[in-house]
Structure formats: structure tokens, C-alpha cells
Amino acid sequence: MIDAEKKRQSRKSVRQSAWIILDGGFARRPCFVIDLSTTGAKIAVDDASAASAGFQLTFSRDARTGRRCQAVWRNGTTLGVRFIA
């Protein structure tokens, strides 16, 4: 039996441009959100090493707010992220 907390949330394909905001808003990197759920997302970036352990994901380059994220897996230029409070 699968533990309800470990069960993967349903993801929705969004295929939308977005930005990773690093260093308290001083650095922005473009990315592409492949899919999205209530608990996380799969994103593609040019340089996966540029995304630190914690960052913000936003759909607007000028946005001052976004969702706090934590990278949970990396595969080449693709990242799986979990939204954190």
C-alpha cells in the first residue's frame, strides 16, 4: 500500500516560460516549466547547476514574489522541484 503523503500529485502540462530568482532577487535565470502540480514542478534550465538548493520560481520576470522551491532531483538540464513554505 502506498503512503498517501508519498503518492505523487497529479501534474498538469503547462509548457510555459518562467524565471528562477536567486540570491534574494539579485539574479534571475530563464527557465521553462514543463509541468506543474500543487506540490512542485518539473523545469528545464540552460545550466542546472545555477539553480541552488533553494530559490524562487516565478512566471513574470519583474515579479517580486514567487513560489519558494527546493530542487529534489536533477537530470541534465531538467530539475524536479518541491514547493516549500
N, C-alpha and C. Protein backbone atom coordinates (compact mmCIF):
# COMPACT_ATOMS: atom_id res chain seq x y z
N MET A 1 0.84 -1.18 0.00
CA MET A 1 0.00 0.00 0.00
C MET A 1 0.90 1.25 0.00
N ILE A 2 0.54 2.23 -0.81
CA ILE A 2 1.33 3.46 -0.92
C ILE A 2 0.87 4.46 0.13
N ASP A 3 1.83 5.01 0.85
CA ASP A 3 1.56 6.04 1.85
C ASP A 3 0.98 7.26 1.13
N ALA A 4 -0.11 7.81 1.63
CA ALA A 4 -0.79 8.93 0.98
C ALA A 4 0.12 10.14 0.81
N GLU A 5 1.04 10.37 1.75
CA GLU A 5 1.93 11.53 1.65
C GLU A 5 2.96 11.35 0.55
N LYS A 6 3.34 10.10 0.25
CA LYS A 6 4.36 9.85 -0.75
C LYS A 6 3.76 9.71 -2.15
N LYS A 7 2.45 9.61 -2.22
CA LYS A 7 1.79 9.46 -3.51
C LYS A 7 1.98 10.73 -4.33
N ARG A 8 2.38 10.57 -5.57
CA ARG A 8 2.66 11.71 -6.44
C ARG A 8 1.38 12.46 -6.77
N GLN A 9 1.45 13.76 -6.67
CA GLN A 9 0.32 14.61 -7.01
C GLN A 9 0.15 14.64 -8.52
N SER A 10 -1.07 14.82 -8.97
CA SER A 10 -1.36 14.93 -10.39
C SER A 10 -0.70 16.18 -10.96
N ARG A 11 0.02 16.00 -12.06
CA ARG A 11 0.72 17.13 -12.68
C ARG A 11 0.00 17.56 -13.94
N LYS A 12 0.05 18.86 -14.20
CA LYS A 12 -0.59 19.42 -15.39
C LYS A 12 0.51 19.95 -16.30
N SER A 13 0.48 19.57 -17.56
CA SER A 13 1.45 20.08 -18.53
C SER A 13 1.16 21.56 -18.77
N VAL A 14 2.16 22.42 -18.55
CA VAL A 14 1.96 23.86 -18.74
C VAL A 14 2.83 24.43 -19.85
N ARG A 15 4.02 23.91 -20.03
CA ARG A 15 4.94 24.35 -21.07
C ARG A 15 4.95 25.87 -21.22
N GLN A 16 5.47 26.53 -20.17
CA GLN A 16 5.46 28.00 -20.09
C GLN A 16 6.81 28.53 -19.64
N SER A 17 7.20 29.65 -20.22
CA SER A 17 8.44 30.31 -19.80
C SER A 17 8.27 30.85 -18.39
N ALA A 18 9.38 30.81 -17.64
CA ALA A 18 9.37 31.31 -16.27
C ALA A 18 10.78 31.75 -15.91
N TRP A 19 10.98 32.15 -14.66
CA TRP A 19 12.29 32.58 -14.18
C TRP A 19 12.58 31.98 -12.83
N ILE A 20 13.84 31.64 -12.63
CA ILE A 20 14.36 31.24 -11.33
C ILE A 20 15.01 32.48 -10.74
N ILE A 21 14.61 32.84 -9.54
CA ILE A 21 15.16 34.01 -8.87
C ILE A 21 16.09 33.54 -7.76
N LEU A 22 17.35 33.94 -7.86
CA LEU A 22 18.39 33.53 -6.91
C LEU A 22 18.86 34.72 -6.09
N ASP A 23 19.59 34.45 -5.06
CA ASP A 23 20.29 35.48 -4.28
C ASP A 23 19.39 36.62 -3.83
N GLY A 24 18.23 36.30 -3.31
CA GLY A 24 17.34 37.33 -2.79
C GLY A 24 16.82 38.28 -3.85
N GLY A 25 16.77 37.86 -5.10
CA GLY A 25 16.22 38.68 -6.17
C GLY A 25 17.26 39.36 -7.03
N PHE A 26 18.54 39.21 -6.70
CA PHE A 26 19.59 39.89 -7.46
C PHE A 26 19.99 39.16 -8.73
N ALA A 27 19.64 37.90 -8.84
CA ALA A 27 19.99 37.13 -10.04
C ALA A 27 18.76 36.39 -10.54
N ARG A 28 18.50 36.50 -11.85
CA ARG A 28 17.38 35.82 -12.47
C ARG A 28 17.89 34.97 -13.62
N ARG A 29 17.37 33.77 -13.72
CA ARG A 29 17.73 32.87 -14.81
C ARG A 29 16.45 32.42 -15.50
N PRO A 30 16.41 32.47 -16.82
CA PRO A 30 15.22 31.98 -17.51
C PRO A 30 15.12 30.46 -17.38
N CYS A 31 13.92 29.97 -17.37
CA CYS A 31 13.69 28.54 -17.34
C CYS A 31 12.38 28.26 -18.07
N PHE A 32 12.02 27.00 -18.17
CA PHE A 32 10.82 26.58 -18.87
C PHE A 32 10.12 25.57 -17.97
N VAL A 33 8.89 25.86 -17.56
CA VAL A 33 8.13 24.94 -16.72
C VAL A 33 7.46 23.92 -17.62
N ILE A 34 7.83 22.67 -17.43
CA ILE A 34 7.29 21.58 -18.25
C ILE A 34 5.94 21.12 -17.70
N ASP A 35 5.91 20.85 -16.40
CA ASP A 35 4.64 20.50 -15.77
C ASP A 35 4.61 21.02 -14.35
N LEU A 36 3.40 21.04 -13.78
CA LEU A 36 3.17 21.71 -12.51
C LEU A 36 2.12 20.95 -11.72
N SER A 37 2.29 20.88 -10.40
CA SER A 37 1.27 20.32 -9.51
C SER A 37 1.14 21.26 -8.32
N THR A 38 0.31 20.90 -7.38
CA THR A 38 0.16 21.74 -6.18
C THR A 38 1.38 21.66 -5.29
N THR A 39 2.19 20.62 -5.44
CA THR A 39 3.35 20.43 -4.56
C THR A 39 4.70 20.69 -5.22
N GLY A 40 4.74 20.85 -6.54
CA GLY A 40 6.03 21.05 -7.19
C GLY A 40 5.91 21.19 -8.69
N ALA A 41 7.07 21.11 -9.35
CA ALA A 41 7.11 21.30 -10.80
C ALA A 41 8.32 20.61 -11.40
N LYS A 42 8.26 20.41 -12.71
CA LYS A 42 9.43 19.94 -13.46
C LYS A 42 9.81 21.09 -14.37
N ILE A 43 11.06 21.54 -14.27
CA ILE A 43 11.51 22.69 -15.06
C ILE A 43 12.78 22.34 -15.84
N ALA A 44 12.96 23.05 -16.93
CA ALA A 44 14.17 22.90 -17.74
C ALA A 44 14.93 24.22 -17.68
N VAL A 45 16.25 24.13 -17.48
CA VAL A 45 17.12 25.30 -17.41
C VAL A 45 18.34 25.06 -18.27
N ASP A 46 18.98 26.15 -18.71
CA ASP A 46 20.20 26.01 -19.51
C ASP A 46 21.33 25.40 -18.70
N ASP A 47 21.45 25.82 -17.44
CA ASP A 47 22.52 25.34 -16.56
C ASP A 47 21.91 24.92 -15.23
N ALA A 48 21.70 23.62 -15.05
CA ALA A 48 21.06 23.12 -13.84
C ALA A 48 21.86 23.43 -12.59
N SER A 49 23.17 23.60 -12.71
CA SER A 49 23.99 23.91 -11.54
C SER A 49 23.75 25.33 -11.05
N ALA A 50 23.18 26.19 -11.88
CA ALA A 50 22.90 27.57 -11.47
C ALA A 50 21.75 27.64 -10.47
N ALA A 51 20.90 26.62 -10.48
CA ALA A 51 19.79 26.59 -9.53
C ALA A 51 20.28 25.99 -8.23
N SER A 52 20.40 26.84 -7.24
CA SER A 52 20.88 26.39 -5.93
C SER A 52 19.83 25.52 -5.25
N ALA A 53 20.13 25.07 -4.08
CA ALA A 53 19.20 24.21 -3.35
C ALA A 53 17.86 24.90 -3.12
N GLY A 54 17.85 26.20 -2.86
CA GLY A 54 16.62 26.94 -2.63
C GLY A 54 16.55 28.17 -3.51
N PHE A 55 15.40 28.42 -4.11
CA PHE A 55 15.22 29.57 -4.99
C PHE A 55 13.73 29.85 -5.14
N GLN A 56 13.40 30.92 -5.86
CA GLN A 56 12.00 31.23 -6.15
C GLN A 56 11.74 30.96 -7.62
N LEU A 57 10.54 30.49 -7.92
CA LEU A 57 10.09 30.27 -9.28
C LEU A 57 8.95 31.23 -9.55
N THR A 58 9.05 32.02 -10.63
CA THR A 58 8.01 32.98 -10.96
C THR A 58 7.73 32.95 -12.45
N PHE A 59 6.52 33.29 -12.81
CA PHE A 59 6.13 33.32 -14.22
C PHE A 59 6.26 34.70 -14.84
N SER A 60 6.73 35.67 -14.07
CA SER A 60 6.93 37.03 -14.57
C SER A 60 8.33 37.50 -14.21
N ARG A 61 9.07 37.98 -15.18
CA ARG A 61 10.45 38.41 -14.94
C ARG A 61 10.54 39.52 -13.90
N ASP A 62 9.57 40.40 -13.87
CA ASP A 62 9.59 41.53 -12.94
C ASP A 62 8.89 41.24 -11.61
N ALA A 63 8.38 40.03 -11.45
CA ALA A 63 7.66 39.71 -10.21
C ALA A 63 8.59 39.72 -9.01
N ARG A 64 8.12 40.28 -7.94
CA ARG A 64 8.90 40.30 -6.70
C ARG A 64 8.52 39.10 -5.82
N THR A 65 7.49 38.41 -6.18
CA THR A 65 7.07 37.24 -5.43
C THR A 65 7.06 36.02 -6.35
N GLY A 66 7.12 34.90 -5.76
CA GLY A 66 7.07 33.64 -6.49
C GLY A 66 6.93 32.52 -5.50
N ARG A 67 7.01 31.33 -5.97
CA ARG A 67 6.94 30.16 -5.09
C ARG A 67 8.34 29.75 -4.69
N ARG A 68 8.58 29.60 -3.37
CA ARG A 68 9.87 29.09 -2.88
C ARG A 68 9.97 27.63 -3.27
N CYS A 69 11.12 27.26 -3.78
CA CYS A 69 11.33 25.89 -4.27
C CYS A 69 12.60 25.29 -3.71
N GLN A 70 12.62 23.98 -3.74
CA GLN A 70 13.82 23.23 -3.37
C GLN A 70 13.98 22.15 -4.45
N ALA A 71 15.17 22.08 -5.04
CA ALA A 71 15.44 21.04 -6.04
C ALA A 71 15.48 19.69 -5.34
N VAL A 72 14.73 18.72 -5.87
CA VAL A 72 14.72 17.38 -5.28
C VAL A 72 15.39 16.35 -6.19
N TRP A 73 15.52 16.65 -7.48
CA TRP A 73 16.27 15.79 -8.39
C TRP A 73 16.73 16.61 -9.60
N ARG A 74 17.78 16.12 -10.23
CA ARG A 74 18.36 16.76 -11.42
C ARG A 74 18.68 15.66 -12.42
N ASN A 75 18.39 15.94 -13.69
CA ASN A 75 18.73 15.02 -14.77
C ASN A 75 19.13 15.89 -15.97
N GLY A 76 20.43 16.11 -16.12
CA GLY A 76 20.89 17.01 -17.18
C GLY A 76 20.43 18.42 -16.91
N THR A 77 19.65 18.98 -17.82
CA THR A 77 19.16 20.35 -17.66
C THR A 77 17.73 20.40 -17.13
N THR A 78 17.22 19.27 -16.66
CA THR A 78 15.88 19.20 -16.12
C THR A 78 15.94 19.04 -14.60
N LEU A 79 15.09 19.79 -13.90
CA LEU A 79 15.02 19.74 -12.44
C LEU A 79 13.61 19.39 -11.99
N GLY A 80 13.54 18.62 -10.94
CA GLY A 80 12.28 18.43 -10.22
C GLY A 80 12.34 19.26 -8.98
N VAL A 81 11.34 20.10 -8.76
CA VAL A 81 11.35 20.97 -7.58
C VAL A 81 10.11 20.74 -6.73
N ARG A 82 10.30 20.95 -5.45
CA ARG A 82 9.21 20.85 -4.48
C ARG A 82 8.97 22.25 -3.95
N PHE A 83 7.69 22.65 -3.88
CA PHE A 83 7.37 23.95 -3.30
C PHE A 83 7.47 23.86 -1.79
N ILE A 84 8.08 24.88 -1.19
CA ILE A 84 8.24 24.92 0.26
C ILE A 84 7.60 26.20 0.80
N ALA A 85 7.29 26.19 2.07
CA ALA A 85 6.64 27.35 2.70
C ALA A 85 7.61 28.48 2.90
